[in-house]
C-alpha atoms as a PDB file:
ATOM      1  CA  MET A   1       0.000   0.000   0.000  1.00  0.00           C
ATOM      2  CA  ALA A   2       1.350   3.409  -0.971  1.00  0.00           C
ATOM      3  CA  VAL A   3       0.655   6.602   0.979  1.00  0.00           C
ATOM      4  CA  ILE A   4       0.634   9.940  -0.830  1.00  0.00           C
ATOM      5  CA  ASN A   5       1.292  13.014   1.316  1.00  0.00           C
ATOM      6  CA  GLN A   6      -0.640  15.988   0.002  1.00  0.00           C
ATOM      7  CA  PRO A   7      -0.407  19.509   1.508  1.00  0.00           C
ATOM      8  CA  SER A   8      -3.806  19.382   3.213  1.00  0.00           C
ATOM      9  CA  ASN A   9      -4.432  15.698   3.666  1.00  0.00           C
ATOM     10  CA  GLN A  10      -3.180  12.176   3.185  1.00  0.00           C
ATOM     11  CA  ILE A  11      -4.477   9.977   0.412  1.00  0.00           C
ATOM     12  CA  LYS A  12      -4.017   6.254   0.872  1.00  0.00           C
ATOM     13  CA  LEU A  13      -3.701   4.279  -2.322  1.00  0.00           C
ATOM     14  CA  THR A  14      -4.663   0.620  -2.269  1.00  0.00           C
ATOM     15  CA  ASN A  15      -4.327  -1.924  -5.097  1.00  0.00           C
ATOM     16  CA  VAL A  16      -1.909   0.433  -6.821  1.00  0.00           C
ATOM     17  CA  SER A  17       0.102  -0.364  -9.925  1.00  0.00           C
ATOM     18  CA  LEU A  18       3.095   1.841 -10.661  1.00  0.00           C
ATOM     19  CA  VAL A  19       4.283   2.762 -14.143  1.00  0.00           C
ATOM     20  CA  ARG A  20       7.858   3.978 -14.096  1.00  0.00           C
ATOM     21  CA  MET A  21      10.055   5.792 -16.604  1.00  0.00           C
ATOM     22  CA  ARG A  22      13.700   6.756 -16.258  1.00  0.00           C
ATOM     23  CA  LYS A  23      14.888   9.896 -18.017  1.00  0.00           C
ATOM     24  CA  GLY A  24      18.578  10.613 -17.629  1.00  0.00           C
ATOM     25  CA  LYS A  25      19.350  10.096 -13.950  1.00  0.00           C
ATOM     26  CA  LYS A  26      15.802  10.812 -12.764  1.00  0.00           C
ATOM     27  CA  ARG A  27      12.980   8.333 -12.231  1.00  0.00           C
ATOM     28  CA  PHE A  28       9.351   9.332 -12.743  1.00  0.00           C
ATOM     29  CA  GLU A  29       6.281   7.381 -11.649  1.00  0.00           C
ATOM     30  CA  ILE A  30       2.501   7.472 -11.974  1.00  0.00           C
ATOM     31  CA  ALA A  31      -0.012   5.613  -9.786  1.00  0.00           C
ATOM     32  CA  CYS A  32      -2.584   3.518 -11.657  1.00  0.00           C
ATOM     33  CA  TYR A  33      -5.333   1.073 -10.794  1.00  0.00           C
ATOM     34  CA  GLN A  34      -4.475  -2.623 -11.027  1.00  0.00           C
ATOM     35  CA  ASN A  35      -4.987  -4.293 -14.400  1.00  0.00           C
ATOM     36  CA  LYS A  36      -5.933  -0.987 -16.052  1.00  0.00           C
ATOM     37  CA  VAL A  37      -2.596  -0.133 -17.690  1.00  0.00           C
ATOM     38  CA  GLN A  38      -2.722  -3.062 -20.100  1.00  0.00           C
ATOM     39  CA  ASP A  39      -6.375  -2.270 -20.876  1.00  0.00           C
ATOM     40  CA  TRP A  40      -5.286   1.273 -21.753  1.00  0.00           C
ATOM     41  CA  ARG A  41      -2.428   0.089 -23.949  1.00  0.00           C
ATOM     42  CA  LEU A  42      -4.713  -2.356 -25.754  1.00  0.00           C
ATOM     43  CA  ARG A  43      -7.244   0.497 -26.206  1.00  0.00           C
ATOM     44  CA  VAL A  44      -9.846  -1.511 -24.296  1.00  0.00           C
ATOM     45  CA  GLU A  45     -10.027   1.309 -21.738  1.00  0.00           C
ATOM     46  CA  LYS A  46     -10.175   4.815 -23.201  1.00  0.00           C
ATOM     47  CA  ASP A  47     -11.097   6.833 -20.092  1.00  0.00           C
ATOM     48  CA  ILE A  48      -7.859   7.900 -18.426  1.00  0.00           C
ATOM     49  CA  ASP A  49      -9.705   8.650 -15.181  1.00  0.00           C
ATOM     50  CA  GLU A  50     -10.408   4.910 -14.936  1.00  0.00           C
ATOM     51  CA  VAL A  51      -6.671   4.223 -15.224  1.00  0.00           C
ATOM     52  CA  LEU A  52      -5.009   6.877 -13.017  1.00  0.00           C
ATOM     53  CA  GLN A  53      -5.432   6.859  -9.250  1.00  0.00           C
ATOM     54  CA  ILE A  54      -4.048  10.428  -9.106  1.00  0.00           C
ATOM     55  CA  PRO A  55      -3.394  12.599 -12.215  1.00  0.00           C
ATOM     56  CA  GLN A  56       0.069  13.544 -10.997  1.00  0.00           C
ATOM     57  CA  VAL A  57       3.693  12.760 -11.904  1.00  0.00           C
ATOM     58  CA  PHE A  58       5.800  11.559  -8.964  1.00  0.00           C
ATOM     59  CA  MET A  59       9.468  11.018  -8.319  1.00  0.00           C
ATOM     60  CA  ASN A  60       8.457   8.387  -5.781  1.00  0.00           C
ATOM     61  CA  VAL A  61       4.821   7.363  -5.288  1.00  0.00           C
ATOM     62  CA  SER A  62       5.298   5.444  -2.047  1.00  0.00           C
ATOM     63  CA  LYS A  63       7.004   8.455  -0.399  1.00  0.00           C
ATOM     64  CA  GLY A  64       4.582  10.943  -1.931  1.00  0.00           C
ATOM     65  CA  GLN A  65       7.371  12.844  -3.701  1.00  0.00           C
ATOM     66  CA  VAL A  66       5.775  14.873  -6.505  1.00  0.00           C
ATOM     67  CA  ALA A  67       7.936  15.769  -9.509  1.00  0.00           C
ATOM     68  CA  ASN A  68       8.644  19.513  -9.736  1.00  0.00           C
ATOM     69  CA  ASN A  69       8.434  21.501 -12.953  1.00  0.00           C
ATOM     70  CA  GLU A  70      12.205  21.941 -13.215  1.00  0.00           C
ATOM     71  CA  ASP A  71      12.756  18.166 -13.234  1.00  0.00           C
ATOM     72  CA  LEU A  72       9.941  17.662 -15.738  1.00  0.00           C
ATOM     73  CA  LEU A  73      11.297  20.377 -18.052  1.00  0.00           C
ATOM     74  CA  ASN A  74      14.831  18.950 -17.951  1.00  0.00           C
ATOM     75  CA  ALA A  75      13.650  15.387 -18.581  1.00  0.00           C
ATOM     76  CA  PHE A  76      10.693  15.793 -20.932  1.00  0.00           C
ATOM     77  CA  GLY A  77      11.279  19.266 -22.368  1.00  0.00           C
ATOM     78  CA  SER A  78       7.831  20.242 -21.092  1.00  0.00           C
ATOM     79  CA  THR A  79       5.851  20.886 -17.913  1.00  0.00           C
ATOM     80  CA  ASN A  80       2.582  19.730 -19.426  1.00  0.00           C
ATOM     81  CA  HIS A  81       1.537  17.071 -16.887  1.00  0.00           C
ATOM     82  CA  ASP A  82      -1.181  15.587 -19.105  1.00  0.00           C
ATOM     83  CA  GLU A  83       1.240  14.946 -21.986  1.00  0.00           C
ATOM     84  CA  ILE A  84       3.942  13.571 -19.670  1.00  0.00           C
ATOM     85  CA  ILE A  85       1.467  11.248 -17.945  1.00  0.00           C
ATOM     86  CA  LEU A  86       0.401   9.894 -21.348  1.00  0.00           C
ATOM     87  CA  GLU A  87       4.032   9.279 -22.343  1.00  0.00           C
ATOM     88  CA  ILE A  88       4.759   7.404 -19.111  1.00  0.00           C
ATOM     89  CA  LEU A  89       1.496   5.478 -19.380  1.00  0.00           C
ATOM     90  CA  ASP A  90       2.211   4.384 -22.963  1.00  0.00           C
ATOM     91  CA  LYS A  91       5.955   3.766 -22.776  1.00  0.00           C
ATOM     92  CA  GLY A  92       6.842   3.295 -19.109  1.00  0.00           C
ATOM     93  CA  GLU A  93       7.703   0.050 -17.349  1.00  0.00           C
ATOM     94  CA  ILE A  94       4.851  -1.508 -15.376  1.00  0.00           C
ATOM     95  CA  GLN A  95       5.847  -2.328 -11.791  1.00  0.00           C
ATOM     96  CA  LEU A  96       3.638  -5.218 -10.727  1.00  0.00           C
ATOM     97  CA  ASN A  97       2.853  -5.750  -7.064  1.00  0.00           C
ATOM     98  CA  GLU A  98       3.000  -9.191  -5.456  1.00  0.00           C
ATOM     99  CA  LYS A  99      -0.703  -9.881  -5.974  1.00  0.00           C
ATOM    100  CA  GLU A 100      -0.521  -9.043  -9.678  1.00  0.00           C
ATOM    101  CA  ARG A 101       2.668 -11.072 -10.146  1.00  0.00           C
ATOM    102  CA  SER A 102       0.999 -14.107  -8.555  1.00  0.00           C
ATOM    103  CA  ALA A 103      -2.123 -13.711 -10.697  1.00  0.00           C
ATOM    104  CA  ASN A 104      -0.022 -13.357 -13.872  1.00  0.00           C
ATOM    105  CA  LEU A 105       2.044 -16.414 -12.972  1.00  0.00           C
ATOM    106  CA  ARG A 106      -1.103 -18.479 -12.323  1.00  0.00           C
ATOM    107  CA  GLN A 107      -2.541 -17.382 -15.658  1.00  0.00           C
ATOM    108  CA  LYS A 108       0.691 -18.264 -17.471  1.00  0.00           C
ATOM    109  CA  GLN A 109       0.898 -21.616 -15.681  1.00  0.00           C
ATOM    110  CA  ASN A 110      -2.665 -22.468 -16.751  1.00  0.00           C
ATOM    111  CA  GLU A 111      -1.935 -21.424 -20.339  1.00  0.00           C
ATOM    112  CA  PHE A 112       1.251 -23.506 -20.340  1.00  0.00           C
ATOM    113  CA  LEU A 113      -0.429 -26.667 -19.000  1.00  0.00           C
ATOM    114  CA  ASN A 114      -3.471 -26.310 -21.263  1.00  0.00           C
ATOM    115  CA  LEU A 115      -1.215 -25.998 -24.310  1.00  0.00           C
ATOM    116  CA  ILE A 116       0.468 -29.299 -23.424  1.00  0.00           C
ATOM    117  CA  SER A 117      -2.883 -30.928 -22.652  1.00  0.00           C
ATOM    118  CA  THR A 118      -4.341 -30.031 -26.063  1.00  0.00           C
ATOM    119  CA  LYS A 119      -1.224 -31.079 -27.991  1.00  0.00           C
ATOM    120  CA  CYS A 120      -0.627 -34.458 -26.335  1.00  0.00           C
ATOM    121  CA  ILE A 121      -2.470 -37.715 -25.716  1.00  0.00           C
ATOM    122  CA  ASN A 122      -2.042 -41.067 -24.044  1.00  0.00           C
ATOM    123  CA  PRO A 123      -1.109 -43.243 -27.066  1.00  0.00           C
ATOM    124  CA  ARG A 124      -2.861 -46.259 -25.513  1.00  0.00           C
ATOM    125  CA  SER A 125      -6.227 -44.680 -24.696  1.00  0.00           C
ATOM    126  CA  LYS A 126      -5.962 -41.820 -27.238  1.00  0.00           C
ATOM    127  CA  LYS A 127      -7.288 -39.519 -24.505  1.00  0.00           C
ATOM    128  CA  ARG A 128      -5.757 -36.245 -23.393  1.00  0.00           C
ATOM    129  CA  TYR A 129      -4.187 -35.856 -19.980  1.00  0.00           C
ATOM    130  CA  PRO A 130      -5.682 -33.292 -17.591  1.00  0.00           C
ATOM    131  CA  PRO A 131      -3.363 -30.368 -16.692  1.00  0.00           C
ATOM    132  CA  SER A 132      -2.969 -31.693 -13.120  1.00  0.00           C
ATOM    133  CA  MET A 133      -1.383 -34.948 -14.372  1.00  0.00           C
ATOM    134  CA  ILE A 134       0.904 -33.049 -16.717  1.00  0.00           C
ATOM    135  CA  GLN A 135       2.010 -30.828 -13.829  1.00  0.00           C
ATOM    136  CA  LYS A 136       2.768 -33.901 -11.687  1.00  0.00           C
ATOM    137  CA  ALA A 137       4.886 -35.447 -14.471  1.00  0.00           C
ATOM    138  CA  LEU A 138       6.796 -32.198 -15.017  1.00  0.00           C
ATOM    139  CA  ASN A 139       7.465 -31.945 -11.276  1.00  0.00           C
ATOM    140  CA  GLN A 140       9.027 -35.404 -11.447  1.00  0.00           C
ATOM    141  CA  LEU A 141      11.250 -34.200 -14.269  1.00  0.00           C
ATOM    142  CA  LYS A 142      12.065 -30.999 -12.337  1.00  0.00           C
ATOM    143  CA  PHE A 143      10.782 -28.840 -15.226  1.00  0.00           C
ATOM    144  CA  HIS A 144       9.572 -25.506 -13.891  1.00  0.00           C
ATOM    145  CA  LEU A 145       7.910 -22.676 -15.772  1.00  0.00           C
ATOM    146  CA  ASN A 146      10.033 -19.571 -16.299  1.00  0.00           C
ATOM    147  CA  PRO A 147       7.715 -16.523 -15.920  1.00  0.00           C
ATOM    148  CA  ASN A 148       9.966 -14.459 -18.210  1.00  0.00           C
ATOM    149  CA  LYS A 149       9.779 -16.786 -21.239  1.00  0.00           C
ATOM    150  CA  PRO A 150       6.765 -17.288 -23.567  1.00  0.00           C
ATOM    151  CA  ALA A 151       4.389 -20.055 -22.437  1.00  0.00           C
ATOM    152  CA  LYS A 152       4.185 -21.561 -25.936  1.00  0.00           C
ATOM    153  CA  THR A 153       7.975 -21.896 -26.281  1.00  0.00           C
ATOM    154  CA  GLN A 154       8.215 -23.601 -22.893  1.00  0.00           C
ATOM    155  CA  ALA A 155       5.235 -25.857 -23.634  1.00  0.00           C
ATOM    156  CA  LEU A 156       7.035 -27.187 -26.725  1.00  0.00           C
ATOM    157  CA  GLU A 157      10.192 -27.750 -24.651  1.00  0.00           C
ATOM    158  CA  ALA A 158       8.162 -29.573 -21.992  1.00  0.00           C
ATOM    159  CA  ILE A 159       6.407 -31.760 -24.591  1.00  0.00           C
ATOM    160  CA  LYS A 160       9.777 -32.783 -26.028  1.00  0.00           C
ATOM    161  CA  LEU A 161      11.020 -33.725 -22.549  1.00  0.00           C
ATOM    162  CA  LEU A 162       7.825 -35.614 -21.621  1.00  0.00           C
ATOM    163  CA  ILE A 163       7.947 -37.662 -24.835  1.00  0.00           C
ATOM    164  CA  GLN A 164      11.650 -38.336 -24.393  1.00  0.00           C
ATOM    165  CA  GLU A 165      11.460 -39.430 -20.734  1.00  0.00           C
ATOM    166  CA  GLN A 166       8.044 -41.201 -20.829  1.00  0.00           C
ATOM    167  CA  VAL A 167       7.346 -40.861 -17.085  1.00  0.00           C
ATOM    168  CA  MET A 168       3.831 -41.594 -18.330  1.00  0.00           C
ATOM    169  CA  PRO A 169       2.759 -42.873 -21.774  1.00  0.00           C
ATOM    170  CA  ILE A 170       2.541 -39.720 -23.886  1.00  0.00           C
ATOM    171  CA  ALA A 171       2.698 -38.731 -27.564  1.00  0.00           C
ATOM    172  CA  ARG A 172       1.917 -35.714 -29.709  1.00  0.00           C
ATOM    173  CA  ALA A 173      -1.743 -35.666 -30.735  1.00  0.00           C
ATOM    174  CA  GLN A 174      -2.065 -35.463 -34.487  1.00  0.00           C
ATOM    175  CA  MET A 175      -4.981 -35.502 -36.904  1.00  0.00           C
ATOM    176  CA  LYS A 176      -5.790 -38.086 -39.537  1.00  0.00           C
ATOM    177  CA  VAL A 177      -7.377 -36.455 -42.588  1.00  0.00           C
ATOM    178  CA  LYS A 178      -8.581 -37.428 -46.022  1.00  0.00           C
ATOM    179  CA  ILE A 179      -7.806 -34.932 -48.793  1.00  0.00           C
ATOM    180  CA  THR A 180      -9.792 -35.253 -52.012  1.00  0.00           C
ATOM    181  CA  LEU A 181      -8.938 -33.366 -55.217  1.00  0.00           C
ATOM    182  CA  LEU A 182     -10.316 -33.396 -58.732  1.00  0.00           C
ATOM    183  CA  ALA A 183      -7.962 -35.515 -60.851  1.00  0.00           C
ATOM    184  CA  ARG A 184      -7.108 -32.580 -63.120  1.00  0.00           C
ATOM    185  CA  VAL A 185      -5.632 -30.579 -60.203  1.00  0.00           C
ATOM    186  CA  GLN A 186      -3.686 -33.510 -58.686  1.00  0.00           C
ATOM    187  CA  PRO A 187      -0.303 -31.787 -59.384  1.00  0.00           C
ATOM    188  CA  ALA A 188      -1.287 -29.246 -56.702  1.00  0.00           C
ATOM    189  CA  PHE A 189      -1.082 -32.027 -54.104  1.00  0.00           C
ATOM    190  CA  ASP A 190       2.660 -32.500 -54.518  1.00  0.00           C
ATOM    191  CA  GLU A 191       3.341 -28.798 -54.913  1.00  0.00           C
ATOM    192  CA  HIS A 192       1.283 -27.369 -52.050  1.00  0.00           C
ATOM    193  CA  PHE A 193      -0.083 -30.072 -49.745  1.00  0.00           C
ATOM    194  CA  ARG A 194       2.612 -32.714 -49.291  1.00  0.00           C
ATOM    195  CA  ALA A 195       4.882 -30.421 -47.272  1.00  0.00           C
ATOM    196  CA  LEU A 196       2.019 -29.874 -44.787  1.00  0.00           C
ATOM    197  CA  LEU A 197       1.583 -33.607 -44.141  1.00  0.00           C
ATOM    198  CA  ASP A 198       3.531 -35.560 -41.550  1.00  0.00           C
ATOM    199  CA  THR A 199       2.862 -39.006 -43.035  1.00  0.00           C
ATOM    200  CA  VAL A 200       0.880 -40.062 -46.093  1.00  0.00           C
ATOM    201  CA  GLU A 201      -0.729 -43.407 -45.263  1.00  0.00           C
ATOM    202  CA  ASP A 202      -2.503 -44.001 -48.556  1.00  0.00           C
ATOM    203  CA  GLU A 203      -2.849 -42.397 -51.995  1.00  0.00           C
ATOM    204  CA  LYS A 204      -5.411 -43.288 -54.650  1.00  0.00           C
ATOM    205  CA  ALA A 205      -5.485 -41.713 -58.109  1.00  0.00           C
ATOM    206  CA  GLY A 206      -8.663 -42.338 -60.117  1.00  0.00           C
ATOM    207  CA  GLU A 207      -9.963 -40.991 -63.391  1.00  0.00           C
ATOM    208  CA  LYS A 208     -12.037 -38.288 -61.695  1.00  0.00           C
ATOM    209  CA  LEU A 209     -10.672 -38.000 -58.157  1.00  0.00           C
ATOM    210  CA  PHE A 210      -7.386 -38.137 -56.310  1.00  0.00           C
ATOM    211  CA  GLU A 211      -7.530 -39.143 -52.613  1.00  0.00           C
ATOM    212  CA  ALA A 212      -4.883 -39.159 -49.911  1.00  0.00           C
ATOM    213  CA  ILE A 213      -5.138 -40.217 -46.269  1.00  0.00           C
ATOM    214  CA  ALA A 214      -2.514 -38.541 -44.113  1.00  0.00           C
ATOM    215  CA  ILE A 215      -1.424 -37.730 -40.573  1.00  0.00           C
ATOM    216  CA  ILE A 216      -0.928 -34.007 -39.961  1.00  0.00           C
ATOM    217  CA  ASP A 217      -0.011 -31.658 -37.161  1.00  0.00           C
ATOM    218  CA  PRO A 218      -3.270 -29.904 -36.117  1.00  0.00           C
ATOM    219  CA  SER A 219      -1.614 -26.515 -36.677  1.00  0.00           C
ATOM    220  CA  ASN A 220      -1.508 -27.263 -40.439  1.00  0.00           C
ATOM    221  CA  TYR A 221      -5.227 -27.983 -40.755  1.00  0.00           C
ATOM    222  CA  LYS A 222      -6.266 -24.355 -41.317  1.00  0.00           C
ATOM    223  CA  THR A 223      -3.611 -23.912 -44.022  1.00  0.00           C
ATOM    224  CA  ILE A 224      -4.997 -26.956 -45.862  1.00  0.00           C
ATOM    225  CA  VAL A 225      -8.555 -25.593 -45.583  1.00  0.00           C
ATOM    226  CA  ASP A 226      -7.412 -22.185 -46.874  1.00  0.00           C
ATOM    227  CA  LEU A 227      -5.730 -23.802 -49.902  1.00  0.00           C
ATOM    228  CA  LEU A 228      -8.916 -25.700 -50.700  1.00  0.00           C
ATOM    229  CA  GLN A 229     -10.947 -22.488 -50.402  1.00  0.00           C
ATOM    230  CA  GLY A 230      -9.065 -20.996 -53.327  1.00  0.00           C
ATOM    231  CA  GLU A 231      -6.255 -19.233 -51.439  1.00  0.00           C
ATOM    232  CA  ASN A 232      -3.898 -20.462 -54.155  1.00  0.00           C
ATOM    233  CA  ALA A 233      -3.819 -19.656 -57.854  1.00  0.00           C
ATOM    234  CA  GLN A 234      -3.703 -23.337 -58.848  1.00  0.00           C
ATOM    235  CA  LEU A 235      -6.866 -24.304 -56.959  1.00  0.00           C
ATOM    236  CA  LYS A 236     -10.385 -22.954 -57.074  1.00  0.00           C
ATOM    237  CA  LYS A 237     -13.073 -23.370 -54.464  1.00  0.00           C
ATOM    238  CA  GLY A 238     -14.885 -26.665 -55.030  1.00  0.00           C
ATOM    239  CA  GLU A 239     -11.927 -28.451 -56.637  1.00  0.00           C
ATOM    240  CA  GLY A 240     -11.039 -30.258 -53.419  1.00  0.00           C
ATOM    241  CA  ALA A 241     -12.079 -31.080 -49.861  1.00  0.00           C
ATOM    242  CA  VAL A 242     -10.634 -32.246 -46.547  1.00  0.00           C
ATOM    243  CA  GLU A 243     -12.318 -34.574 -44.057  1.00  0.00           C
ATOM    244  CA  VAL A 244     -11.142 -35.202 -40.493  1.00  0.00           C
ATOM    245  CA  LEU A 245     -11.017 -38.953 -39.827  1.00  0.00           C
ATOM    246  CA  ASP A 246      -9.442 -38.869 -36.348  1.00  0.00           C
ATOM    247  CA  MET A 247      -8.840 -35.925 -33.988  1.00  0.00           C
ATOM    248  CA  ALA A 248      -6.411 -37.889 -31.805  1.00  0.00           C
ATOM    249  CA  ALA A 249      -4.295 -39.866 -34.238  1.00  0.00           C
ATOM    250  CA  ILE A 250      -0.764 -41.040 -33.579  1.00  0.00           C
ATOM    251  CA  LYS A 251       1.976 -41.403 -36.145  1.00  0.00           C
ATOM    252  CA  GLU A 252       3.079 -45.034 -36.012  1.00  0.00           C
END
């Protein structure tokens, strides 16, 4: 909790988030409401009064030290508080308090575990593991989430480790699909589709239709759909189709 000393009274700030900017050797701060700075930067919140606890520039919020005009002029080339506040709000470094850090870490942990859960399955049952079981396995392997690295990058690292160590039966979940093309556009399969397929299990070329059954990474499914919707000069909409045969396939 920060306490601001004003000339005639004391204002106690609770649930405060600081945004800090260093200019030269001076540090400037503004006091904002929790979770509102990101909303402002994402343009979700457009009312600055909903973001700022006090429309004032400080040298130190917790000590109630207000920045004087001389310091502002030297650092920002202006004494316009509104403009300086906007600059700090848009470009300053957000100082999270303990509560916010914990909430952010929990959110990142959930995102991390859910990513692994959706990308992996038990190869025997073909069912996905709940996040709690994944967490238990990662604890065994002493893999801990780094709050400063992207969740997706770490999820891929964790998946690699889980598959390598097999502390529980686990494999990447893939999709089995059937791609059908008109025979006259079959050359497009080799040129545009084959690189998106992990394994081609069967190919059948007939007089009218070409069919292929393949295992793919789920992330490539949308690209295949886009190609079949005419997102490529060689194919027109209606010249091909894709059908999902298995949402939890495993490459043998």
